[in-house]
Structure formats: C-alpha cells, structure tokens
C-alpha cells in the first residue's frame, strides 16, 4: 500500500471513525469521508471522540450509504476503503442487518468495478462465540462477502471500546452503577485513538485478521470499581440477575427489533470474556481520569 495513499473513510462520524480520519491524515493519506451530515463531522462525539477539522480531510462526499443511488463517483480515485459503519446508539429504527450488513455490502459492491485495492473492515473479537446474535451475524456476513469479493481485505477485531467504559464513569458520577450478571467476565477494551493506529498498521500490513485490545485486562466489576475510585465516591453496584436481564430482552424485542437486538448484545457481553492482544497503549485509568477532569483528548 506504500504507493496507494487515497483512503475513503466510511463511518467517519462514529467514535472510531473520527479517530481514524485524523490518523489516516497524520500518516500522509489523502482522506475522503462519506457522510450523510457534514455538520456532524466537525462536532466532537461522545466520550472524547474528536471533532474533525477541515484540515483533516481532503474531500467530503455527502451521500446515504443505505441508498447506493446517492453514491455515484464515491470510489473514484480511491485506493483503500476503511469502514467502521455499524449501529451503535442510532435511534432511527434500523436493524443490524440493514446497517451493519447491507450498508457495508453496498460499499463492497461499489468497490469491485472501480479499482479499489484493499478494504479494511472493523468487526468484533470473539465472534465465533456469539454467532447467535444478530449483530455478530451481520458483521460476519460482511467478512464472508469480502472473502468472496476478489479484493484484498483486512479485518480488525477490537475487544471493546473505551467509549463503552465512559458509560461506567457516568454511572459512577451519579452514585450507582448497574451491572448485568456478576461482572466477573474479563475484558481488554481499547482507546479509539490506539485502535485507529492499529487499523492503519493492519491496512498497510500483511496480517489478514488482527485482534486488538488495550493494555489492561480486568473484569467488568473491576472496571466499575475503578470508575468509582476516579470520581471519589463509594462503590455502589446494583446487579441485575441474568434471568431478569433475559426477560427484559424478550420484552424489549417485542417492542422493537432493533433495540431488542441491541439489548441482547449488551446482556450477552455481560456473560463472556473479551480479551485480545494488548495493542493499545492508553490505560483505562488514565482515560477515565482525563475524562473526569474534562480533558478533551485523554
């Protein structure tokens, strides 16, 4: 990829996407971003996702990834596609199948006739253990498409994001954290900035699939206790038994497929370990302390 320096970043308004835009630019790439709302690019995201400046991008393509008819010319001159497109906290009623799978499928279909050399896709670590989930099925269908596409591809599999740990800090500030299950499952989440660097290394390297965790391995309960320590409040954790959480998932699923699938993912995450190679450098303590202090770039 040394001579191929034009990248399209899809998912540029999300937590990882914002870090990825900045990182690609810092590594000398010409950066085109795909967005349906250019204004959101220039606004900071939650949990320290940075605002993108106009100096960070060379080209903004405004289009709807779910509507291929709005994407004519998107891949013109593009060597590398990076996609972190997926549902996180969207509230538009769309499902994982419609977003995580179909939108990435639309990108892959556009790549094939246009000379894109490589596609980098962000999936999830440990997918083989949770294939019953709609989110996992959608992600792995994208991986299967890439394998069959004839393009060079790379898959990055993070063990979780620091943005999720920011939720623990918010709960600790309010004086009580809620936890699904006993909280003894282990995890090694990674900072978005560190993960963006891993993504670029993967894009330029020879490894086909790369797992990426942060430097700390801890249980969910230990992470919650750390959040209370950072805010200086006594530890108060309310445990939601797994049987009760499963019941809530079924009820939510009756009301909304999207939120039911999200709830099932959250509950399942409370049961399984998510640990991978320590490729990140930022410790969770440093991140939470900086986030609590209001540092925009912890």
Protein backbone atom coordinates (compact mmCIF):
# COMPACT_ATOMS: atom_id res chain seq x y z
CA UNK A 1 0.00 0.00 0.00
CA UNK A 2 3.05 2.29 0.01
CA UNK A 3 2.08 3.97 -3.27
CA UNK A 4 -1.65 3.94 -2.58
CA UNK A 5 -2.45 6.90 -0.43
CA UNK A 6 -6.08 7.82 -1.08
CA UNK A 7 -8.46 6.43 1.52
CA UNK A 8 -12.23 6.55 1.84
CA UNK A 9 -13.38 6.52 5.46
CA UNK A 10 -16.96 5.30 5.96
CA UNK A 11 -18.38 5.71 9.44
CA UNK A 12 -16.47 8.97 9.94
CA UNK A 13 -18.96 10.45 12.41
CA UNK A 14 -18.73 7.49 14.79
CA UNK A 15 -16.39 7.02 17.77
CA UNK A 16 -13.70 5.07 15.92
CA UNK A 17 -14.30 6.78 12.59
CA UNK A 18 -13.38 10.22 13.91
CA UNK A 19 -10.08 8.93 15.27
CA UNK A 20 -9.45 7.05 12.02
CA UNK A 21 -9.88 10.16 9.87
CA UNK A 22 -7.27 12.03 11.90
CA UNK A 23 -4.88 9.08 11.99
CA UNK A 24 -5.00 8.44 8.24
CA UNK A 25 -4.31 12.12 7.59
CA UNK A 26 -1.39 12.12 10.04
CA UNK A 27 0.04 9.11 8.18
CA UNK A 28 0.08 11.01 4.91
CA UNK A 29 -3.09 9.76 3.26
CA UNK A 30 -5.43 11.85 1.17
CA UNK A 31 -8.69 11.40 3.05
CA UNK A 32 -12.16 11.29 1.59
CA UNK A 33 -15.00 10.85 4.07
CA UNK A 34 -18.51 9.63 3.40
CA UNK A 35 -21.23 11.22 5.50
CA UNK A 36 -24.90 11.98 5.28
CA UNK A 37 -24.48 15.03 7.55
CA UNK A 38 -21.32 17.08 7.03
CA UNK A 39 -22.01 19.21 10.10
CA UNK A 40 -21.60 16.18 12.39
CA UNK A 41 -18.04 15.71 11.15
CA UNK A 42 -16.99 18.97 12.73
CA UNK A 43 -18.65 18.30 16.09
CA UNK A 44 -16.98 16.29 18.87
CA UNK A 45 -18.53 12.91 19.54
CA UNK A 46 -19.34 11.36 22.92
CA UNK A 47 -16.63 10.09 25.27
CA UNK A 48 -13.81 12.14 23.66
CA UNK A 49 -14.37 11.23 20.02
CA UNK A 50 -12.68 14.26 18.41
CA UNK A 51 -14.21 16.85 16.17
CA UNK A 52 -12.79 16.64 12.66
CA UNK A 53 -11.37 19.84 11.23
CA UNK A 54 -11.37 20.77 7.57
CA UNK A 55 -7.60 20.27 7.62
CA UNK A 56 -8.17 16.59 8.46
CA UNK A 57 -9.99 15.84 5.22
CA UNK A 58 -9.31 16.44 1.55
CA UNK A 59 -12.77 15.60 0.29
CA UNK A 60 -16.22 15.28 1.89
CA UNK A 61 -18.69 13.13 -0.02
CA UNK A 62 -22.26 13.66 1.14
CA UNK A 63 -24.46 10.65 0.48
CA UNK A 64 -26.64 7.98 2.09
CA UNK A 65 -24.75 4.72 2.43
CA UNK A 66 -28.09 2.91 2.57
CA UNK A 67 -29.02 4.42 -0.81
CA UNK A 68 -26.47 3.41 -3.47
CA UNK A 69 -28.08 5.76 -5.97
CA UNK A 70 -26.65 8.69 -3.94
CA UNK A 71 -23.09 7.33 -4.10
CA UNK A 72 -22.17 7.79 -7.75
CA UNK A 73 -18.46 8.62 -8.03
CA UNK A 74 -17.75 7.77 -4.40
CA UNK A 75 -14.91 5.38 -5.24
CA UNK A 76 -13.31 7.48 -7.98
CA UNK A 77 -9.56 7.55 -7.35
CA UNK A 78 -9.82 5.60 -4.08
CA UNK A 79 -7.15 3.01 -3.32
CA UNK A 80 -8.23 1.93 0.16
CA UNK A 81 -11.63 1.76 1.83
CA UNK A 82 -11.90 1.79 5.61
CA UNK A 83 -15.28 1.01 7.14
CA UNK A 84 -16.39 1.15 10.75
CA UNK A 85 -20.03 1.54 9.69
CA UNK A 86 -22.46 -0.02 12.13
CA UNK A 87 -25.18 0.62 14.65
CA UNK A 88 -24.01 1.96 17.98
CA UNK A 89 -26.56 4.29 19.51
CA UNK A 90 -28.68 5.05 16.48
CA UNK A 91 -32.33 5.77 17.09
CA UNK A 92 -33.76 5.50 13.60
CA UNK A 93 -35.26 2.03 13.98
CA UNK A 94 -32.87 0.27 11.60
CA UNK A 95 -31.60 -3.23 12.31
CA UNK A 96 -28.09 -4.70 12.29
CA UNK A 97 -28.99 -6.46 9.05
CA UNK A 98 -29.94 -3.16 7.42
CA UNK A 99 -26.94 -1.17 8.65
CA UNK A 100 -24.00 -3.36 9.66
CA UNK A 101 -24.55 -5.78 6.78
CA UNK A 102 -26.43 -4.08 3.96
CA UNK A 103 -24.62 -0.73 4.12
CA UNK A 104 -21.22 -2.42 4.05
CA UNK A 105 -22.43 -4.67 1.24
CA UNK A 106 -23.30 -1.53 -0.71
CA UNK A 107 -19.73 -0.28 -0.25
CA UNK A 108 -18.23 -3.59 -1.32
CA UNK A 109 -20.42 -3.64 -4.45
CA UNK A 110 -19.18 -0.16 -5.36
CA UNK A 111 -15.54 -1.16 -4.87
CA UNK A 112 -15.48 -4.10 -7.22
CA UNK A 113 -15.77 -2.25 -10.56
CA UNK A 114 -13.73 0.78 -9.50
CA UNK A 115 -10.21 -0.45 -8.87
CA UNK A 116 -10.12 -0.22 -5.09
CA UNK A 117 -7.08 -2.20 -3.99
CA UNK A 118 -7.94 -3.06 -0.39
CA UNK A 119 -10.88 -2.92 2.03
CA UNK A 120 -10.36 -2.68 5.80
CA UNK A 121 -13.38 -3.66 7.88
CA UNK A 122 -13.85 -3.38 11.64
CA UNK A 123 -15.70 -6.37 13.03
CA UNK A 124 -15.51 -7.78 16.58
CA UNK A 125 -13.28 -10.04 18.63
CA UNK A 126 -14.65 -13.42 19.69
CA UNK A 127 -17.37 -13.51 17.05
CA UNK A 128 -17.20 -17.30 16.88
CA UNK A 129 -18.51 -17.48 20.46
CA UNK A 130 -21.60 -15.33 19.92
CA UNK A 131 -22.83 -16.25 16.46
CA UNK A 132 -26.40 -16.45 17.77
CA UNK A 133 -26.52 -12.64 17.97
CA UNK A 134 -27.92 -10.54 15.13
CA UNK A 135 -25.01 -8.09 15.35
CA UNK A 136 -22.44 -10.88 15.02
CA UNK A 137 -24.25 -12.48 12.11
CA UNK A 138 -24.34 -9.14 10.28
CA UNK A 139 -20.63 -8.48 10.86
CA UNK A 140 -19.56 -11.95 9.80
CA UNK A 141 -21.71 -11.82 6.67
CA UNK A 142 -19.67 -8.77 5.68
CA UNK A 143 -16.46 -10.70 6.35
CA UNK A 144 -17.76 -13.52 4.14
CA UNK A 145 -18.57 -11.04 1.36
CA UNK A 146 -15.04 -9.66 1.50
CA UNK A 147 -13.56 -13.14 1.32
CA UNK A 148 -15.60 -13.81 -1.82
CA UNK A 149 -15.08 -10.40 -3.39
CA UNK A 150 -11.71 -10.97 -5.03
CA UNK A 151 -10.38 -7.79 -3.40
CA UNK A 152 -7.57 -7.68 -0.90
CA UNK A 153 -9.11 -7.22 2.52
CA UNK A 154 -8.16 -6.84 6.17
CA UNK A 155 -10.32 -7.45 9.25
CA UNK A 156 -9.73 -5.66 12.56
CA UNK A 157 -11.34 -7.24 15.62
CA UNK A 158 -11.35 -4.93 18.68
CA UNK A 159 -12.12 -6.28 22.15
CA UNK A 160 -14.36 -3.35 23.02
CA UNK A 161 -14.12 0.43 23.03
CA UNK A 162 -13.20 2.91 25.74
CA UNK A 163 -16.37 4.78 24.81
CA UNK A 164 -18.30 1.95 26.48
CA UNK A 165 -16.21 2.46 29.62
CA UNK A 166 -17.27 6.10 29.64
CA UNK A 167 -20.76 4.88 30.48
CA UNK A 168 -19.35 3.38 33.70
CA UNK A 169 -17.90 6.77 34.62
CA UNK A 170 -21.26 8.45 34.02
CA UNK A 171 -22.96 5.95 36.33
CA UNK A 172 -20.27 6.36 38.99
CA UNK A 173 -20.76 10.14 38.94
CA UNK A 174 -24.44 9.54 39.69
CA UNK A 175 -23.50 7.32 42.60
CA UNK A 176 -24.62 3.90 41.41
CA UNK A 177 -23.58 1.51 38.64
CA UNK A 178 -25.85 -1.13 37.21
CA UNK A 179 -24.32 -4.40 36.10
CA UNK A 180 -25.78 -7.36 34.27
CA UNK A 181 -24.69 -10.61 35.88
CA UNK A 182 -21.87 -10.99 38.40
CA UNK A 183 -19.44 -8.86 36.39
CA UNK A 184 -16.61 -11.36 36.57
CA UNK A 185 -16.16 -11.67 32.82
CA UNK A 186 -12.80 -10.34 31.65
CA UNK A 187 -12.22 -7.68 29.01
CA UNK A 188 -9.47 -5.56 27.49
CA UNK A 189 -11.11 -2.59 25.73
CA UNK A 190 -9.01 -0.21 23.65
CA UNK A 191 -8.91 3.56 23.20
CA UNK A 192 -10.25 4.77 19.85
CA UNK A 193 -7.02 6.62 19.09
CA UNK A 194 -4.95 3.49 19.70
CA UNK A 195 -7.36 1.38 17.67
CA UNK A 196 -7.14 3.81 14.75
CA UNK A 197 -3.37 3.26 14.71
CA UNK A 198 -3.92 -0.50 14.72
CA UNK A 199 -6.28 -0.09 11.78
CA UNK A 200 -3.68 1.77 9.75
CA UNK A 201 -0.97 -0.77 10.61
CA UNK A 202 -3.36 -3.50 9.51
CA UNK A 203 -4.27 -1.66 6.31
CA UNK A 204 -0.60 -1.46 5.37
CA UNK A 205 0.47 -4.85 6.70
CA UNK A 206 0.25 -8.48 5.70
CA UNK A 207 -1.93 -9.89 8.51
CA UNK A 208 -5.41 -10.64 7.21
CA UNK A 209 -7.21 -10.55 10.56
CA UNK A 210 -5.96 -8.67 13.62
CA UNK A 211 -7.36 -8.74 17.15
CA UNK A 212 -6.78 -5.63 19.23
CA UNK A 213 -7.14 -5.00 22.95
CA UNK A 214 -5.92 -2.36 25.34
CA UNK A 215 -3.07 -2.73 27.86
CA UNK A 216 -5.36 -3.64 30.79
CA UNK A 217 -7.19 -6.90 31.40
CA UNK A 218 -9.87 -6.57 34.06
CA UNK A 219 -13.31 -7.79 34.95
CA UNK A 220 -16.37 -5.69 34.34
CA UNK A 221 -16.75 -5.34 38.12
CA UNK A 222 -13.14 -4.14 38.48
CA UNK A 223 -13.72 -1.54 35.76
CA UNK A 224 -16.81 -0.27 37.59
CA UNK A 225 -14.87 -0.04 40.87
CA UNK A 226 -12.14 1.89 39.06
CA UNK A 227 -14.72 4.38 37.82
CA UNK A 228 -15.96 4.99 41.38
CA UNK A 229 -12.37 5.42 42.55
CA UNK A 230 -11.73 8.01 39.86
CA UNK A 231 -14.79 10.10 40.80
CA UNK A 232 -14.10 9.70 44.53
CA UNK A 233 -17.38 8.09 45.51
CA UNK A 234 -18.13 4.90 47.44
CA UNK A 235 -18.68 1.82 45.29
CA UNK A 236 -22.37 1.09 44.84
CA UNK A 237 -23.17 -1.59 42.28
CA UNK A 238 -26.63 -2.94 41.64
CA UNK A 239 -26.57 -6.36 39.99
CA UNK A 240 -29.33 -7.26 37.56
CA UNK A 241 -29.59 -11.07 37.62
CA UNK A 242 -29.09 -12.71 34.26
CA UNK A 243 -32.56 -14.31 34.35
CA UNK A 244 -34.13 -10.86 34.81
CA UNK A 245 -31.98 -9.35 32.08
CA UNK A 246 -33.02 -12.11 29.67
CA UNK A 247 -36.65 -11.41 30.45
CA UNK A 248 -36.15 -7.71 29.71
CA UNK A 249 -34.51 -8.58 26.39
CA UNK A 250 -37.55 -10.58 25.32
CA UNK A 251 -39.90 -7.77 26.31
CA UNK A 252 -37.84 -5.11 24.52
CA UNK A 253 -37.68 -7.35 21.45
CA UNK A 254 -41.47 -7.42 21.30
CA UNK A 255 -41.50 -3.62 21.15
CA UNK A 256 -38.55 -3.07 18.79
CA UNK A 257 -36.41 -5.48 16.82
CA UNK A 258 -33.50 -3.03 16.76
CA UNK A 259 -33.46 -2.33 20.49
CA UNK A 260 -34.16 -5.98 21.27
CA UNK A 261 -31.07 -6.98 19.30
CA UNK A 262 -29.01 -4.27 21.00
CA UNK A 263 -30.24 -5.38 24.42
CA UNK A 264 -29.39 -9.00 23.64
CA UNK A 265 -25.87 -7.97 22.68
CA UNK A 266 -25.41 -5.97 25.90
CA UNK A 267 -26.68 -8.82 28.05
CA UNK A 268 -24.51 -11.39 26.27
CA UNK A 269 -21.47 -9.14 26.72
CA UNK A 270 -22.05 -9.48 30.45
CA UNK A 271 -21.51 -13.23 30.25
CA UNK A 272 -18.44 -13.70 28.04
CA UNK A 273 -14.78 -12.71 28.11
CA UNK A 274 -13.45 -10.25 25.54
CA UNK A 275 -9.66 -10.30 25.75
CA UNK A 276 -7.16 -9.93 22.93
CA UNK A 277 -3.54 -8.94 22.26
CA UNK A 278 -2.52 -5.72 24.01
CA UNK A 279 -2.05 -3.44 21.01
CA UNK A 280 -3.29 -0.26 22.72
CA UNK A 281 -1.10 1.90 24.96
CA UNK A 282 -3.59 4.07 26.83
CA UNK A 283 -4.60 2.66 30.22
CA UNK A 284 -8.22 2.67 31.29
CA UNK A 285 -7.31 4.54 34.49
CA UNK A 286 -5.62 7.35 32.56
CA UNK A 287 -8.57 7.56 30.21
CA UNK A 288 -11.18 7.73 32.99
CA UNK A 289 -9.15 10.25 34.99
CA UNK A 290 -8.74 12.51 31.96
CA UNK A 291 -12.40 12.11 31.02
CA UNK A 292 -13.44 13.01 34.58
CA UNK A 293 -11.16 16.06 34.52
CA UNK A 294 -12.72 17.26 31.29
CA UNK A 295 -9.64 16.70 29.14
CA UNK A 296 -10.92 16.60 25.54
CA UNK A 297 -8.03 14.36 24.45
CA UNK A 298 -7.42 11.74 27.16
